[in-house]
Amino acid sequence: MIIERPSSARGRIQAGWLDSRHTFSFGGYYDPAWMGFGALRVINEDRVAAGAGFEPHRHANMEILSYVLSGGLSHKDSAGGGGVIRAGELQWMSAGHGVEHSEYNASDSEPVHFLQIWIQPDRLNARPAYAQLEAADARDGEFVLLASRDGVDGGLPVRQDLRLYALSLTPGASARRVLEAGRLYWLQLAQGRIEVDGRTLEAGDALGFREESAELVLTGSGDSGAQLLFFDLPPAG
């Protein structure tokens, strides 16, 4: 089964300093048809105005990833984690048994644009943890591993049986990915335009794959490069 999630169908929250598009139910946006996809619980596309951000708040038992598309995001948490995440970089915070954190735009003059991602962990009440992955040098059409279960094969050591990849495609460039029927897959287009087996995806669009055994062919199109995240997830319990 292939699930389509167009950008225009997402929830939207605007708060002056924040413009947020929600792929799944979150906060003030609720749709019982879109409560998550397996262990993938949240993908919020956030644009935060200069000098603004999310004040300290608490989470527990959630893997929280922030992937910056432009600008800089400043993070601080009660477990000692902190730093500024720049474009192409990924931050991981495992809330574990409980942690308080804040995120602010690191600039006083430019907005920050990033994806906030929540993954349900495979273990509860672990010790909170934090790490940051710098932007990787990658060839056009190459899947780059950003995160994996406990850091297997590199990437950030998330506490779930997943592999998260980034992929960049210039117009006309292609990449291939084999899907296994026993796994779930989610493709989130962050920027640009791509063609996926006869479907055209624009920035913010997504596809989910359940019980699909096939080879995906992804091709960059449009006038500029495309950037996407690809989630390889365990089957829903």
Protein backbone atom coordinates (compact mmCIF):
# COMPACT_ATOMS: atom_id res chain seq x y z
CA MET A 1 0.00 0.00 0.00
CA ILE A 2 1.23 3.47 -0.91
CA ILE A 3 -0.05 6.33 1.25
CA GLU A 4 -0.03 9.87 -0.11
CA ARG A 5 0.29 12.87 2.19
CA PRO A 6 0.22 16.11 0.16
CA SER A 7 1.76 19.20 1.70
CA SER A 8 -1.50 21.13 1.29
CA ALA A 9 -3.41 18.59 3.42
CA ARG A 10 -1.19 18.98 6.48
CA GLY A 11 -2.31 20.81 9.59
CA ARG A 12 -1.09 24.36 10.03
CA ILE A 13 -0.44 26.38 13.17
CA GLN A 14 0.54 30.06 13.00
CA ALA A 15 1.54 32.00 16.11
CA GLY A 16 3.14 35.19 14.82
CA TRP A 17 6.73 34.06 15.38
CA LEU A 18 5.96 30.46 14.29
CA ASP A 19 4.60 28.96 11.08
CA SER A 20 4.30 25.19 11.51
CA ARG A 21 2.97 22.51 9.14
CA HIS A 22 2.05 19.22 10.82
CA THR A 23 2.17 15.95 8.89
CA PHE A 24 0.60 14.12 11.85
CA SER A 25 -1.66 15.19 14.72
CA PHE A 26 0.21 17.44 17.12
CA GLY A 27 -0.72 20.10 19.66
CA GLY A 28 -3.73 22.08 18.44
CA TYR A 29 -3.99 20.03 15.22
CA TYR A 30 -5.88 16.76 15.55
CA ASP A 31 -6.92 14.33 12.83
CA PRO A 32 -7.65 10.74 13.91
CA ALA A 33 -6.66 9.52 10.45
CA TRP A 34 -3.15 10.94 10.90
CA MET A 35 -1.83 9.92 14.31
CA GLY A 36 1.55 8.74 13.05
CA PHE A 37 3.07 6.04 10.88
CA GLY A 38 4.40 3.12 12.88
CA ALA A 39 7.08 4.40 15.25
CA LEU A 40 7.14 7.73 13.39
CA ARG A 41 4.92 10.00 15.46
CA VAL A 42 5.66 13.61 14.41
CA ILE A 43 7.03 15.52 11.43
CA ASN A 44 6.57 19.25 11.87
CA GLU A 45 7.97 21.68 9.33
CA ASP A 46 8.72 24.78 11.41
CA ARG A 47 9.71 28.29 10.42
CA VAL A 48 10.70 30.39 13.43
CA ALA A 49 11.17 34.15 13.26
CA ALA A 50 14.46 35.81 14.18
CA GLY A 51 15.11 35.92 17.91
CA ALA A 52 12.10 33.72 18.75
CA GLY A 53 11.66 30.11 19.76
CA PHE A 54 10.23 27.44 22.02
CA GLU A 55 10.63 28.23 25.72
CA PRO A 56 11.73 25.47 28.13
CA HIS A 57 9.27 22.58 28.22
CA ARG A 58 9.37 18.94 29.25
CA HIS A 59 9.19 15.62 27.40
CA ALA A 60 9.64 11.98 28.33
CA ASN A 61 10.03 8.70 26.42
CA MET A 62 10.38 10.17 22.95
CA GLU A 63 13.26 10.34 20.46
CA ILE A 64 13.31 13.94 19.17
CA LEU A 65 15.24 14.85 16.02
CA SER A 66 15.70 18.31 14.51
CA TYR A 67 16.93 18.60 10.91
CA VAL A 68 17.80 22.15 9.86
CA LEU A 69 17.10 23.22 6.28
CA SER A 70 18.24 26.85 6.56
CA GLY A 71 19.43 29.16 9.31
CA GLY A 72 20.55 28.04 12.76
CA LEU A 73 18.72 26.45 15.69
CA SER A 74 20.00 26.86 19.25
CA HIS A 75 19.28 23.99 21.68
CA LYS A 76 19.68 23.67 25.44
CA ASP A 77 18.41 20.95 27.77
CA SER A 78 18.44 20.02 31.44
CA ALA A 79 20.65 16.95 30.82
CA GLY A 80 23.56 19.13 29.68
CA GLY A 81 22.99 18.94 25.93
CA GLY A 82 23.30 22.08 23.87
CA GLY A 83 24.62 23.73 20.75
CA VAL A 84 23.66 25.39 17.48
CA ILE A 85 22.45 23.21 14.60
CA ARG A 86 23.09 24.57 11.10
CA ALA A 87 21.69 23.72 7.67
CA GLY A 88 22.17 20.05 6.81
CA GLU A 89 22.88 19.08 10.41
CA LEU A 90 20.81 16.77 12.61
CA GLN A 91 20.24 16.96 16.36
CA TRP A 92 19.10 14.01 18.48
CA MET A 93 17.65 14.27 21.96
CA SER A 94 16.40 11.13 23.66
CA ALA A 95 14.01 12.40 26.33
CA GLY A 96 14.26 9.13 28.27
CA HIS A 97 12.77 9.31 31.77
CA GLY A 98 12.29 13.06 31.38
CA VAL A 99 14.14 16.15 30.21
CA GLU A 100 13.41 19.87 29.88
CA HIS A 101 14.64 21.64 26.77
CA SER A 102 14.32 24.78 24.67
CA GLU A 103 14.89 25.64 21.00
CA TYR A 104 15.47 29.17 19.73
CA ASN A 105 16.39 30.74 16.44
CA ALA A 106 20.13 31.35 16.72
CA SER A 107 19.87 34.52 14.60
CA ASP A 108 18.52 37.95 15.52
CA SER A 109 17.94 38.82 11.86
CA GLU A 110 17.12 35.69 9.81
CA PRO A 111 14.43 32.98 10.20
CA VAL A 112 15.27 29.33 10.80
CA HIS A 113 13.57 26.56 8.83
CA PHE A 114 13.73 23.02 10.18
CA LEU A 115 11.95 19.69 10.52
CA GLN A 116 11.07 18.49 14.02
CA ILE A 117 10.69 14.70 14.12
CA TRP A 118 9.48 12.47 16.94
CA ILE A 119 10.12 8.73 17.07
CA GLN A 120 8.57 6.45 19.68
CA PRO A 121 11.43 4.58 21.43
CA ASP A 122 11.71 0.82 21.83
CA ARG A 123 12.59 1.17 25.53
CA LEU A 124 11.09 3.30 28.30
CA ASN A 125 12.58 5.49 31.03
CA ALA A 126 16.14 5.30 29.77
CA ARG A 127 18.70 7.93 30.68
CA PRO A 128 18.26 11.14 28.60
CA ALA A 129 20.88 11.58 25.88
CA TYR A 130 21.91 14.19 23.30
CA ALA A 131 24.11 14.27 20.20
CA GLN A 132 24.54 16.29 17.03
CA LEU A 133 25.57 15.17 13.55
CA GLU A 134 27.35 17.61 11.28
CA ALA A 135 26.40 17.99 7.62
CA ALA A 136 27.95 15.22 5.54
CA ASP A 137 29.65 15.63 2.19
CA ALA A 138 27.59 13.44 -0.14
CA ARG A 139 27.52 12.70 -3.83
CA ASP A 140 24.43 13.56 -5.82
CA GLY A 141 21.97 10.67 -5.58
CA GLU A 142 23.68 9.05 -2.58
CA PHE A 143 21.64 8.01 0.48
CA VAL A 144 23.45 9.30 3.58
CA LEU A 145 22.75 7.54 6.88
CA LEU A 146 21.82 10.09 9.56
CA ALA A 147 20.55 7.86 12.38
CA SER A 148 20.24 4.18 13.22
CA ARG A 149 19.36 1.95 16.14
CA ASP A 150 22.05 2.49 18.79
CA GLY A 151 24.31 3.99 16.10
CA VAL A 152 24.83 0.80 14.09
CA ASP A 153 26.80 1.61 10.90
CA GLY A 154 27.17 5.23 11.99
CA GLY A 155 24.75 8.10 12.38
CA LEU A 156 23.08 9.16 15.59
CA PRO A 157 22.23 6.34 18.06
CA VAL A 158 18.43 6.49 18.26
CA ARG A 159 16.59 4.08 20.54
CA GLN A 160 14.42 2.46 17.90
CA ASP A 161 14.86 -0.04 15.06
CA LEU A 162 15.06 2.52 12.27
CA ARG A 163 17.45 3.91 9.72
CA LEU A 164 17.06 7.53 8.67
CA TYR A 165 18.69 8.74 5.46
CA ALA A 166 19.11 12.07 3.71
CA LEU A 167 19.17 12.26 -0.08
CA SER A 168 19.95 15.18 -2.39
CA LEU A 169 19.10 15.12 -6.09
CA THR A 170 19.94 17.65 -8.76
CA PRO A 171 17.48 17.93 -11.71
CA GLY A 172 17.76 14.76 -13.77
CA ALA A 173 19.76 12.80 -11.18
CA SER A 174 18.28 9.52 -9.92
CA ALA A 175 18.57 7.20 -6.95
CA ARG A 176 17.13 3.77 -6.27
CA ARG A 177 15.94 2.09 -3.07
CA VAL A 178 14.70 -1.46 -2.56
CA LEU A 179 11.68 -1.84 -0.27
CA GLU A 180 11.01 -4.97 1.78
CA ALA A 181 7.43 -6.02 2.53
CA GLY A 182 8.18 -6.56 6.22
CA ARG A 183 9.22 -2.92 6.84
CA LEU A 184 7.51 0.47 6.80
CA TYR A 185 8.97 3.37 4.80
CA TRP A 186 8.26 7.09 4.84
CA LEU A 187 9.60 9.54 2.26
CA GLN A 188 9.43 13.23 3.23
CA LEU A 189 10.37 15.76 0.57
CA ALA A 190 11.88 18.76 2.35
CA GLN A 191 12.86 20.94 -0.61
CA GLY A 192 12.54 20.94 -4.39
CA ARG A 193 10.65 18.56 -6.66
CA ILE A 194 11.08 14.88 -7.48
CA GLU A 195 9.45 12.14 -9.54
CA VAL A 196 8.78 8.83 -7.76
CA ASP A 197 7.52 6.03 -10.01
CA GLY A 198 5.15 8.28 -11.94
CA ARG A 199 4.22 10.57 -9.02
CA THR A 200 5.38 14.17 -8.80
CA LEU A 201 6.22 15.36 -5.28
CA GLU A 202 6.65 19.02 -4.31
CA ALA A 203 8.29 20.36 -1.15
CA GLY A 204 6.33 19.21 1.90
CA ASP A 205 4.73 16.22 0.16
CA ALA A 206 5.27 12.71 1.52
CA LEU A 207 4.68 9.07 0.66
CA GLY A 208 4.29 6.14 3.03
CA PHE A 209 4.88 2.52 2.03
CA ARG A 210 3.36 -0.45 3.85
CA GLU A 211 3.70 -4.07 2.71
CA GLU A 212 5.44 -2.96 -0.47
CA SER A 213 8.11 -5.09 -2.12
CA ALA A 214 9.57 -3.06 -4.95
CA GLU A 215 12.43 -0.89 -6.12
CA LEU A 216 11.78 2.83 -5.89
CA VAL A 217 13.26 5.12 -8.51
CA LEU A 218 13.56 8.75 -7.39
CA THR A 219 14.51 11.46 -9.90
CA GLY A 220 15.13 15.14 -9.28
CA SER A 221 13.05 17.49 -11.42
CA GLY A 222 12.23 21.18 -11.61
CA ASP A 223 14.75 24.00 -11.76
CA SER A 224 16.66 23.42 -8.54
CA GLY A 225 17.94 20.59 -6.41
CA ALA A 226 15.75 18.46 -4.16
CA GLN A 227 16.38 17.33 -0.61
CA LEU A 228 14.48 14.56 1.17
CA LEU A 229 14.48 12.36 4.25
CA PHE A 230 13.83 8.63 3.97
CA PHE A 231 12.73 6.60 7.01
CA ASP A 232 13.19 2.82 7.13
CA LEU A 233 10.97 1.72 10.05
CA PRO A 234 9.96 -1.49 11.81
CA PRO A 235 6.49 -2.90 11.16
CA ALA A 236 3.76 -1.52 13.39
CA GLY A 237 3.26 -3.57 16.56
